[in-house]
PDB file of all heavy atoms in Angstrom:
ATOM      1  N   LEU A   1       3.521  10.476  -2.649  1.00  0.00           N
ATOM      2  CA  LEU A   1       2.251  10.038  -2.086  1.00  0.00           C
ATOM      3  C   LEU A   1       1.208  11.140  -2.018  1.00  0.00           C
ATOM      4  O   LEU A   1       0.019  10.866  -2.019  1.00  0.00           O
ATOM      5  CB  LEU A   1       2.470   9.460  -0.692  1.00  0.00           C
ATOM      6  CG  LEU A   1       3.315   8.204  -0.662  1.00  0.00           C
ATOM      7  CD1 LEU A   1       3.602   7.791   0.776  1.00  0.00           C
ATOM      8  CD2 LEU A   1       2.622   7.087  -1.399  1.00  0.00           C
ATOM      9  N   THR A   2       1.604  12.380  -1.979  1.00  0.00           N
ATOM     10  CA  THR A   2       0.632  13.454  -1.863  1.00  0.00           C
ATOM     11  C   THR A   2       0.453  14.216  -3.173  1.00  0.00           C
ATOM     12  O   THR A   2      -0.642  14.255  -3.723  1.00  0.00           O
ATOM     13  CB  THR A   2       1.040  14.429  -0.744  1.00  0.00           C
ATOM     14  OG1 THR A   2       2.378  14.861  -0.958  1.00  0.00           O
ATOM     15  CG2 THR A   2       0.948  13.758   0.609  1.00  0.00           C
ATOM     16  N   VAL A   3       1.512  14.800  -3.665  1.00  0.00           N
ATOM     17  CA  VAL A   3       1.422  15.608  -4.876  1.00  0.00           C
ATOM     18  C   VAL A   3       0.990  14.776  -6.074  1.00  0.00           C
ATOM     19  O   VAL A   3       0.051  15.130  -6.783  1.00  0.00           O
ATOM     20  CB  VAL A   3       2.775  16.306  -5.163  1.00  0.00           C
ATOM     21  CG1 VAL A   3       2.750  17.028  -6.482  1.00  0.00           C
ATOM     22  CG2 VAL A   3       3.118  17.265  -4.042  1.00  0.00           C
ATOM     23  N   ALA A   4       1.660  13.659  -6.296  1.00  0.00           N
ATOM     24  CA  ALA A   4       1.341  12.829  -7.458  1.00  0.00           C
ATOM     25  C   ALA A   4      -0.078  12.278  -7.365  1.00  0.00           C
ATOM     26  O   ALA A   4      -0.805  12.258  -8.353  1.00  0.00           O
ATOM     27  CB  ALA A   4       2.342  11.691  -7.577  1.00  0.00           C
ATOM     28  N   ASN A   5      -0.471  11.867  -6.184  1.00  0.00           N
ATOM     29  CA  ASN A   5      -1.812  11.327  -5.987  1.00  0.00           C
ATOM     30  C   ASN A   5      -2.886  12.358  -6.313  1.00  0.00           C
ATOM     31  O   ASN A   5      -3.946  12.016  -6.830  1.00  0.00           O
ATOM     32  CB  ASN A   5      -1.974  10.826  -4.555  1.00  0.00           C
ATOM     33  CG  ASN A   5      -3.252  10.057  -4.358  1.00  0.00           C
ATOM     34  OD1 ASN A   5      -3.603   9.211  -5.164  1.00  0.00           O
ATOM     35  ND2 ASN A   5      -3.949  10.352  -3.287  1.00  0.00           N
ATOM     36  N   ASP A   6      -2.616  13.612  -6.026  1.00  0.00           N
ATOM     37  CA  ASP A   6      -3.589  14.675  -6.294  1.00  0.00           C
ATOM     38  C   ASP A   6      -3.548  15.159  -7.742  1.00  0.00           C
ATOM     39  O   ASP A   6      -4.587  15.497  -8.312  1.00  0.00           O
ATOM     40  CB  ASP A   6      -3.352  15.861  -5.367  1.00  0.00           C
ATOM     41  CG  ASP A   6      -3.669  15.547  -3.908  1.00  0.00           C
ATOM     42  OD1 ASP A   6      -4.381  14.541  -3.661  1.00  0.00           O
ATOM     43  OD2 ASP A   6      -3.207  16.289  -3.030  1.00  0.00           O
ATOM     44  N   LEU A   7      -2.357  15.216  -8.335  1.00  0.00           N
ATOM     45  CA  LEU A   7      -2.222  15.821  -9.660  1.00  0.00           C
ATOM     46  C   LEU A   7      -2.391  14.860 -10.828  1.00  0.00           C
ATOM     47  O   LEU A   7      -2.824  15.277 -11.909  1.00  0.00           O
ATOM     48  CB  LEU A   7      -0.870  16.535  -9.773  1.00  0.00           C
ATOM     49  CG  LEU A   7      -0.691  17.740  -8.851  1.00  0.00           C
ATOM     50  CD1 LEU A   7       0.674  18.362  -9.054  1.00  0.00           C
ATOM     51  CD2 LEU A   7      -1.777  18.764  -9.072  1.00  0.00           C
ATOM     52  N   LEU A   8      -2.058  13.598 -10.646  1.00  0.00           N
ATOM     53  CA  LEU A   8      -2.206  12.645 -11.751  1.00  0.00           C
ATOM     54  C   LEU A   8      -3.653  12.555 -12.249  1.00  0.00           C
ATOM     55  O   LEU A   8      -3.884  12.584 -13.458  1.00  0.00           O
ATOM     56  CB  LEU A   8      -1.682  11.266 -11.345  1.00  0.00           C
ATOM     57  CG  LEU A   8      -0.156  11.148 -11.336  1.00  0.00           C
ATOM     58  CD1 LEU A   8       0.280   9.880 -10.616  1.00  0.00           C
ATOM     59  CD2 LEU A   8       0.400  11.178 -12.745  1.00  0.00           C
ATOM     60  N   PRO A   9      -4.649  12.483 -11.365  1.00  0.00           N
ATOM     61  CA  PRO A   9      -6.033  12.430 -11.858  1.00  0.00           C
ATOM     62  C   PRO A   9      -6.474  13.708 -12.580  1.00  0.00           C
ATOM     63  O   PRO A   9      -7.430  13.695 -13.348  1.00  0.00           O
ATOM     64  CB  PRO A   9      -6.869  12.223 -10.590  1.00  0.00           C
ATOM     65  CG  PRO A   9      -5.929  11.650  -9.597  1.00  0.00           C
ATOM     66  CD  PRO A   9      -4.591  12.237  -9.930  1.00  0.00           C
ATOM     67  N   LEU A  10      -5.749  14.808 -12.332  1.00  0.00           N
ATOM     68  CA  LEU A  10      -6.080  16.081 -12.992  1.00  0.00           C
ATOM     69  C   LEU A  10      -5.394  16.229 -14.343  1.00  0.00           C
ATOM     70  O   LEU A  10      -5.530  17.254 -14.998  1.00  0.00           O
ATOM     71  CB  LEU A  10      -5.696  17.259 -12.088  1.00  0.00           C
ATOM     72  CG  LEU A  10      -6.434  17.330 -10.758  1.00  0.00           C
ATOM     73  CD1 LEU A  10      -5.881  18.468  -9.915  1.00  0.00           C
ATOM     74  CD2 LEU A  10      -7.928  17.483 -10.967  1.00  0.00           C
ATOM     75  N   GLY A  11      -4.609  15.216 -14.744  1.00  0.00           N
ATOM     76  CA  GLY A  11      -3.996  15.224 -16.061  1.00  0.00           C
ATOM     77  C   GLY A  11      -2.563  15.708 -16.126  1.00  0.00           C
ATOM     78  O   GLY A  11      -2.008  15.834 -17.215  1.00  0.00           O
ATOM     79  N   TYR A  12      -1.960  15.994 -14.981  1.00  0.00           N
ATOM     80  CA  TYR A  12      -0.565  16.431 -14.978  1.00  0.00           C
ATOM     81  C   TYR A  12       0.358  15.248 -15.213  1.00  0.00           C
ATOM     82  O   TYR A  12       0.073  14.131 -14.797  1.00  0.00           O
ATOM     83  CB  TYR A  12      -0.203  17.073 -13.638  1.00  0.00           C
ATOM     84  CG  TYR A  12      -0.809  18.425 -13.427  1.00  0.00           C
ATOM     85  CD1 TYR A  12      -2.096  18.566 -12.921  1.00  0.00           C
ATOM     86  CD2 TYR A  12      -0.102  19.576 -13.738  1.00  0.00           C
ATOM     87  CE1 TYR A  12      -2.660  19.810 -12.723  1.00  0.00           C
ATOM     88  CE2 TYR A  12      -0.658  20.831 -13.548  1.00  0.00           C
ATOM     89  CZ  TYR A  12      -1.928  20.940 -13.037  1.00  0.00           C
ATOM     90  OH  TYR A  12      -2.480  22.172 -12.845  1.00  0.00           O
ATOM     91  N   GLU A  13       1.485  15.508 -15.869  1.00  0.00           N
ATOM     92  CA  GLU A  13       2.547  14.529 -16.018  1.00  0.00           C
ATOM     93  C   GLU A  13       3.493  14.736 -14.842  1.00  0.00           C
ATOM     94  O   GLU A  13       4.059  15.811 -14.682  1.00  0.00           O
ATOM     95  CB  GLU A  13       3.299  14.793 -17.323  1.00  0.00           C
ATOM     96  CG  GLU A  13       3.477  13.599 -18.196  1.00  0.00           C
ATOM     97  CD  GLU A  13       4.200  13.963 -19.464  1.00  0.00           C
ATOM     98  OE1 GLU A  13       3.548  14.557 -20.338  1.00  0.00           O
ATOM     99  OE2 GLU A  13       5.403  13.666 -19.559  1.00  0.00           O
ATOM    100  N   VAL A  14       3.661  13.712 -14.003  1.00  0.00           N
ATOM    101  CA  VAL A  14       4.446  13.850 -12.780  1.00  0.00           C
ATOM    102  C   VAL A  14       5.704  12.989 -12.872  1.00  0.00           C
ATOM    103  O   VAL A  14       5.630  11.792 -13.140  1.00  0.00           O
ATOM    104  CB  VAL A  14       3.618  13.443 -11.542  1.00  0.00           C
ATOM    105  CG1 VAL A  14       4.450  13.558 -10.279  1.00  0.00           C
ATOM    106  CG2 VAL A  14       2.360  14.295 -11.435  1.00  0.00           C
ATOM    107  N   THR A  15       6.862  13.624 -12.640  1.00  0.00           N
ATOM    108  CA  THR A  15       8.144  12.921 -12.586  1.00  0.00           C
ATOM    109  C   THR A  15       8.719  13.107 -11.198  1.00  0.00           C
ATOM    110  O   THR A  15       8.783  14.235 -10.698  1.00  0.00           O
ATOM    111  CB  THR A  15       9.129  13.469 -13.631  1.00  0.00           C
ATOM    112  OG1 THR A  15       8.531  13.355 -14.925  1.00  0.00           O
ATOM    113  CG2 THR A  15      10.444  12.712 -13.604  1.00  0.00           C
ATOM    114  N   ILE A  16       9.096  12.012 -10.558  1.00  0.00           N
ATOM    115  CA  ILE A  16       9.667  12.064  -9.214  1.00  0.00           C
ATOM    116  C   ILE A  16      11.126  11.654  -9.288  1.00  0.00           C
ATOM    117  O   ILE A  16      11.447  10.584  -9.805  1.00  0.00           O
ATOM    118  CB  ILE A  16       8.915  11.132  -8.245  1.00  0.00           C
ATOM    119  CG1 ILE A  16       7.461  11.566  -8.131  1.00  0.00           C
ATOM    120  CG2 ILE A  16       9.556  11.129  -6.871  1.00  0.00           C
ATOM    121  CD1 ILE A  16       6.533  10.650  -8.808  1.00  0.00           C
ATOM    122  N   PHE A  17      12.008  12.509  -8.793  1.00  0.00           N
ATOM    123  CA  PHE A  17      13.439  12.224  -8.745  1.00  0.00           C
ATOM    124  C   PHE A  17      13.800  11.819  -7.320  1.00  0.00           C
ATOM    125  O   PHE A  17      13.618  12.600  -6.389  1.00  0.00           O
ATOM    126  CB  PHE A  17      14.252  13.457  -9.144  1.00  0.00           C
ATOM    127  CG  PHE A  17      14.036  13.875 -10.565  1.00  0.00           C
ATOM    128  CD1 PHE A  17      13.102  14.850 -10.888  1.00  0.00           C
ATOM    129  CD2 PHE A  17      14.765  13.288 -11.590  1.00  0.00           C
ATOM    130  CE1 PHE A  17      12.898  15.236 -12.200  1.00  0.00           C
ATOM    131  CE2 PHE A  17      14.566  13.672 -12.907  1.00  0.00           C
ATOM    132  CZ  PHE A  17      13.631  14.646 -13.205  1.00  0.00           C
ATOM    133  N   GLU A  18      14.286  10.603  -7.147  1.00  0.00           N
ATOM    134  CA  GLU A  18      14.709  10.105  -5.838  1.00  0.00           C
ATOM    135  C   GLU A  18      16.181   9.743  -5.930  1.00  0.00           C
ATOM    136  O   GLU A  18      16.569   8.958  -6.796  1.00  0.00           O
ATOM    137  CB  GLU A  18      13.876   8.893  -5.439  1.00  0.00           C
ATOM    138  CG  GLU A  18      14.349   8.181  -4.196  1.00  0.00           C
ATOM    139  CD  GLU A  18      14.373   9.076  -2.966  1.00  0.00           C
ATOM    140  OE1 GLU A  18      13.350   9.701  -2.643  1.00  0.00           O
ATOM    141  OE2 GLU A  18      15.450   9.147  -2.342  1.00  0.00           O
ATOM    142  N   GLN A  19      16.996  10.321  -5.048  1.00  0.00           N
ATOM    143  CA  GLN A  19      18.435  10.086  -5.133  1.00  0.00           C
ATOM    144  C   GLN A  19      18.848   8.703  -4.638  1.00  0.00           C
ATOM    145  O   GLN A  19      19.934   8.239  -4.936  1.00  0.00           O
ATOM    146  CB  GLN A  19      19.202  11.160  -4.381  1.00  0.00           C
ATOM    147  CG  GLN A  19      19.052  11.133  -2.883  1.00  0.00           C
ATOM    148  CD  GLN A  19      19.898  12.198  -2.214  1.00  0.00           C
ATOM    149  OE1 GLN A  19      20.826  12.722  -2.821  1.00  0.00           O
ATOM    150  NE2 GLN A  19      19.579  12.518  -0.985  1.00  0.00           N
ATOM    151  N   TYR A  20      17.982   8.035  -3.914  1.00  0.00           N
ATOM    152  CA  TYR A  20      18.309   6.707  -3.401  1.00  0.00           C
ATOM    153  C   TYR A  20      17.669   5.618  -4.250  1.00  0.00           C
ATOM    154  O   TYR A  20      16.828   5.878  -5.088  1.00  0.00           O
ATOM    155  CB  TYR A  20      17.862   6.581  -1.942  1.00  0.00           C
ATOM    156  CG  TYR A  20      18.523   7.603  -1.049  1.00  0.00           C
ATOM    157  CD1 TYR A  20      17.784   8.628  -0.478  1.00  0.00           C
ATOM    158  CD2 TYR A  20      19.895   7.567  -0.822  1.00  0.00           C
ATOM    159  CE1 TYR A  20      18.393   9.589   0.318  1.00  0.00           C
ATOM    160  CE2 TYR A  20      20.514   8.521  -0.021  1.00  0.00           C
ATOM    161  CZ  TYR A  20      19.753   9.528   0.540  1.00  0.00           C
ATOM    162  OH  TYR A  20      20.368  10.470   1.314  1.00  0.00           O
ATOM    163  N   GLY A  21      18.034   4.374  -4.005  1.00  0.00           N
ATOM    164  CA  GLY A  21      17.538   3.251  -4.779  1.00  0.00           C
ATOM    165  C   GLY A  21      16.151   2.774  -4.385  1.00  0.00           C
ATOM    166  O   GLY A  21      15.568   1.950  -5.065  1.00  0.00           O
ATOM    167  N   VAL A  22      15.627   3.302  -3.280  1.00  0.00           N
ATOM    168  CA  VAL A  22      14.313   2.899  -2.792  1.00  0.00           C
ATOM    169  C   VAL A  22      13.522   4.160  -2.444  1.00  0.00           C
ATOM    170  O   VAL A  22      14.029   5.032  -1.746  1.00  0.00           O
ATOM    171  CB  VAL A  22      14.455   2.014  -1.530  1.00  0.00           C
ATOM    172  CG1 VAL A  22      13.104   1.605  -0.993  1.00  0.00           C
ATOM    173  CG2 VAL A  22      15.306   0.801  -1.814  1.00  0.00           C
ATOM    174  N   PRO A  23      12.297   4.290  -2.923  1.00  0.00           N
ATOM    175  CA  PRO A  23      11.509   5.470  -2.585  1.00  0.00           C
ATOM    176  C   PRO A  23      10.940   5.375  -1.174  1.00  0.00           C
ATOM    177  O   PRO A  23      10.804   4.299  -0.621  1.00  0.00           O
ATOM    178  CB  PRO A  23      10.385   5.451  -3.623  1.00  0.00           C
ATOM    179  CG  PRO A  23      10.217   4.015  -3.960  1.00  0.00           C
ATOM    180  CD  PRO A  23      11.595   3.413  -3.861  1.00  0.00           C
ATOM    181  N   GLY A  24      10.618   6.494  -0.611  1.00  0.00           N
ATOM    182  CA  GLY A  24       9.982   6.510   0.697  1.00  0.00           C
ATOM    183  C   GLY A  24      10.630   7.480   1.667  1.00  0.00           C
ATOM    184  O   GLY A  24       9.982   7.945   2.595  1.00  0.00           O
ATOM    185  N   GLY A  25      11.895   7.786   1.452  1.00  0.00           N
ATOM    186  CA  GLY A  25      12.597   8.782   2.250  1.00  0.00           C
ATOM    187  C   GLY A  25      12.386   8.653   3.747  1.00  0.00           C
ATOM    188  O   GLY A  25      12.547   7.582   4.324  1.00  0.00           O
ATOM    189  N   LEU A  26      11.997   9.758   4.371  1.00  0.00           N
ATOM    190  CA  LEU A  26      11.829   9.789   5.819  1.00  0.00           C
ATOM    191  C   LEU A  26      10.713   8.870   6.294  1.00  0.00           C
ATOM    192  O   LEU A  26      10.751   8.365   7.414  1.00  0.00           O
ATOM    193  CB  LEU A  26      11.557  11.221   6.293  1.00  0.00           C
ATOM    194  CG  LEU A  26      12.720  12.188   6.130  1.00  0.00           C
ATOM    195  CD1 LEU A  26      12.310  13.593   6.532  1.00  0.00           C
ATOM    196  CD2 LEU A  26      13.899  11.735   6.968  1.00  0.00           C
ATOM    197  N   MET A  27       9.720   8.652   5.450  1.00  0.00           N
ATOM    198  CA  MET A  27       8.648   7.739   5.846  1.00  0.00           C
ATOM    199  C   MET A  27       9.201   6.329   6.030  1.00  0.00           C
ATOM    200  O   MET A  27       8.752   5.584   6.890  1.00  0.00           O
ATOM    201  CB  MET A  27       7.534   7.743   4.806  1.00  0.00           C
ATOM    202  CG  MET A  27       6.780   9.051   4.767  1.00  0.00           C
ATOM    203  SD  MET A  27       5.562   9.129   3.456  1.00  0.00           S
ATOM    204  CE  MET A  27       4.456   7.831   3.915  1.00  0.00           C
ATOM    205  N   ARG A  28      10.162   5.970   5.223  1.00  0.00           N
ATOM    206  CA  ARG A  28      10.748   4.629   5.305  1.00  0.00           C
ATOM    207  C   ARG A  28      11.771   4.536   6.441  1.00  0.00           C
ATOM    208  O   ARG A  28      11.872   3.508   7.097  1.00  0.00           O
ATOM    209  CB  ARG A  28      11.426   4.272   3.980  1.00  0.00           C
ATOM    210  CG  ARG A  28      11.872   2.829   3.896  1.00  0.00           C
ATOM    211  CD  ARG A  28      12.394   2.470   2.525  1.00  0.00           C
ATOM    212  NE  ARG A  28      11.408   2.587   1.473  1.00  0.00           N
ATOM    213  CZ  ARG A  28      10.492   1.671   1.183  1.00  0.00           C
ATOM    214  NH1 ARG A  28      10.424   0.565   1.884  1.00  0.00           N
ATOM    215  NH2 ARG A  28       9.649   1.851   0.188  1.00  0.00           N
ATOM    216  N   THR A  29      12.532   5.591   6.686  1.00  0.00           N
ATOM    217  CA  THR A  29      13.626   5.507   7.650  1.00  0.00           C
ATOM    218  C   THR A  29      13.260   5.987   9.056  1.00  0.00           C
ATOM    219  O   THR A  29      13.848   5.522  10.022  1.00  0.00           O
ATOM    220  CB  THR A  29      14.842   6.312   7.166  1.00  0.00           C
ATOM    221  OG1 THR A  29      14.463   7.688   6.990  1.00  0.00           O
ATOM    222  CG2 THR A  29      15.380   5.762   5.860  1.00  0.00           C
ATOM    223  N   ASN A  30      12.312   6.914   9.182  1.00  0.00           N
ATOM    224  CA  ASN A  30      12.036   7.508  10.488  1.00  0.00           C
ATOM    225  C   ASN A  30      10.752   7.038  11.149  1.00  0.00           C
ATOM    226  O   ASN A  30      10.542   7.325  12.320  1.00  0.00           O
ATOM    227  CB  ASN A  30      12.022   9.023  10.390  1.00  0.00           C
ATOM    228  CG  ASN A  30      13.404   9.587  10.164  1.00  0.00           C
ATOM    229  OD1 ASN A  30      14.354   8.853   9.944  1.00  0.00           O
ATOM    230  ND2 ASN A  30      13.527  10.891  10.216  1.00  0.00           N
ATOM    231  N   ILE A  31       9.889   6.364  10.423  1.00  0.00           N
ATOM    232  CA  ILE A  31       8.672   5.828  11.023  1.00  0.00           C
ATOM    233  C   ILE A  31       8.920   4.351  11.307  1.00  0.00           C
ATOM    234  O   ILE A  31       9.263   3.601  10.389  1.00  0.00           O
ATOM    235  CB  ILE A  31       7.448   6.013  10.101  1.00  0.00           C
ATOM    236  CG1 ILE A  31       7.216   7.504   9.851  1.00  0.00           C
ATOM    237  CG2 ILE A  31       6.216   5.362  10.711  1.00  0.00           C
ATOM    238  CD1 ILE A  31       6.104   7.803   8.874  1.00  0.00           C
ATOM    239  N   PRO A  32       8.762   3.936  12.569  1.00  0.00           N
ATOM    240  CA  PRO A  32       9.031   2.534  12.903  1.00  0.00           C
ATOM    241  C   PRO A  32       8.163   1.567  12.095  1.00  0.00           C
ATOM    242  O   PRO A  32       7.005   1.870  11.786  1.00  0.00           O
ATOM    243  CB  PRO A  32       8.682   2.448  14.390  1.00  0.00           C
ATOM    244  CG  PRO A  32       8.661   3.850  14.886  1.00  0.00           C
ATOM    245  CD  PRO A  32       8.327   4.714  13.717  1.00  0.00           C
ATOM    246  N   ALA A  33       8.724   0.423  11.777  1.00  0.00           N
ATOM    247  CA  ALA A  33       8.030  -0.569  10.952  1.00  0.00           C
ATOM    248  C   ALA A  33       6.741  -1.077  11.595  1.00  0.00           C
ATOM    249  O   ALA A  33       5.807  -1.457  10.894  1.00  0.00           O
ATOM    250  CB  ALA A  33       8.954  -1.735  10.653  1.00  0.00           C
ATOM    251  N   PHE A  34       6.658  -1.044  12.927  1.00  0.00           N
ATOM    252  CA  PHE A  34       5.420  -1.502  13.553  1.00  0.00           C
ATOM    253  C   PHE A  34       4.291  -0.488  13.368  1.00  0.00           C
ATOM    254  O   PHE A  34       3.128  -0.816  13.485  1.00  0.00           O
ATOM    255  CB  PHE A  34       5.621  -1.841  15.041  1.00  0.00           C
ATOM    256  CG  PHE A  34       5.895  -0.655  15.929  1.00  0.00           C
ATOM    257  CD1 PHE A  34       4.856   0.053  16.515  1.00  0.00           C
ATOM    258  CD2 PHE A  34       7.195  -0.261  16.187  1.00  0.00           C
ATOM    259  CE1 PHE A  34       5.110   1.137  17.340  1.00  0.00           C
ATOM    260  CE2 PHE A  34       7.463   0.822  17.007  1.00  0.00           C
ATOM    261  CZ  PHE A  34       6.412   1.527  17.591  1.00  0.00           C
TER     262      PHE A  34
END
């Protein structure tokens, strides 16, 4: 959400490796859904 959002418009090729089946990490698990 931060690095890719900033670098993609500048022409960088961005690859994100996520070890789980759903992206979001701590934002998905530690921030309450409300």
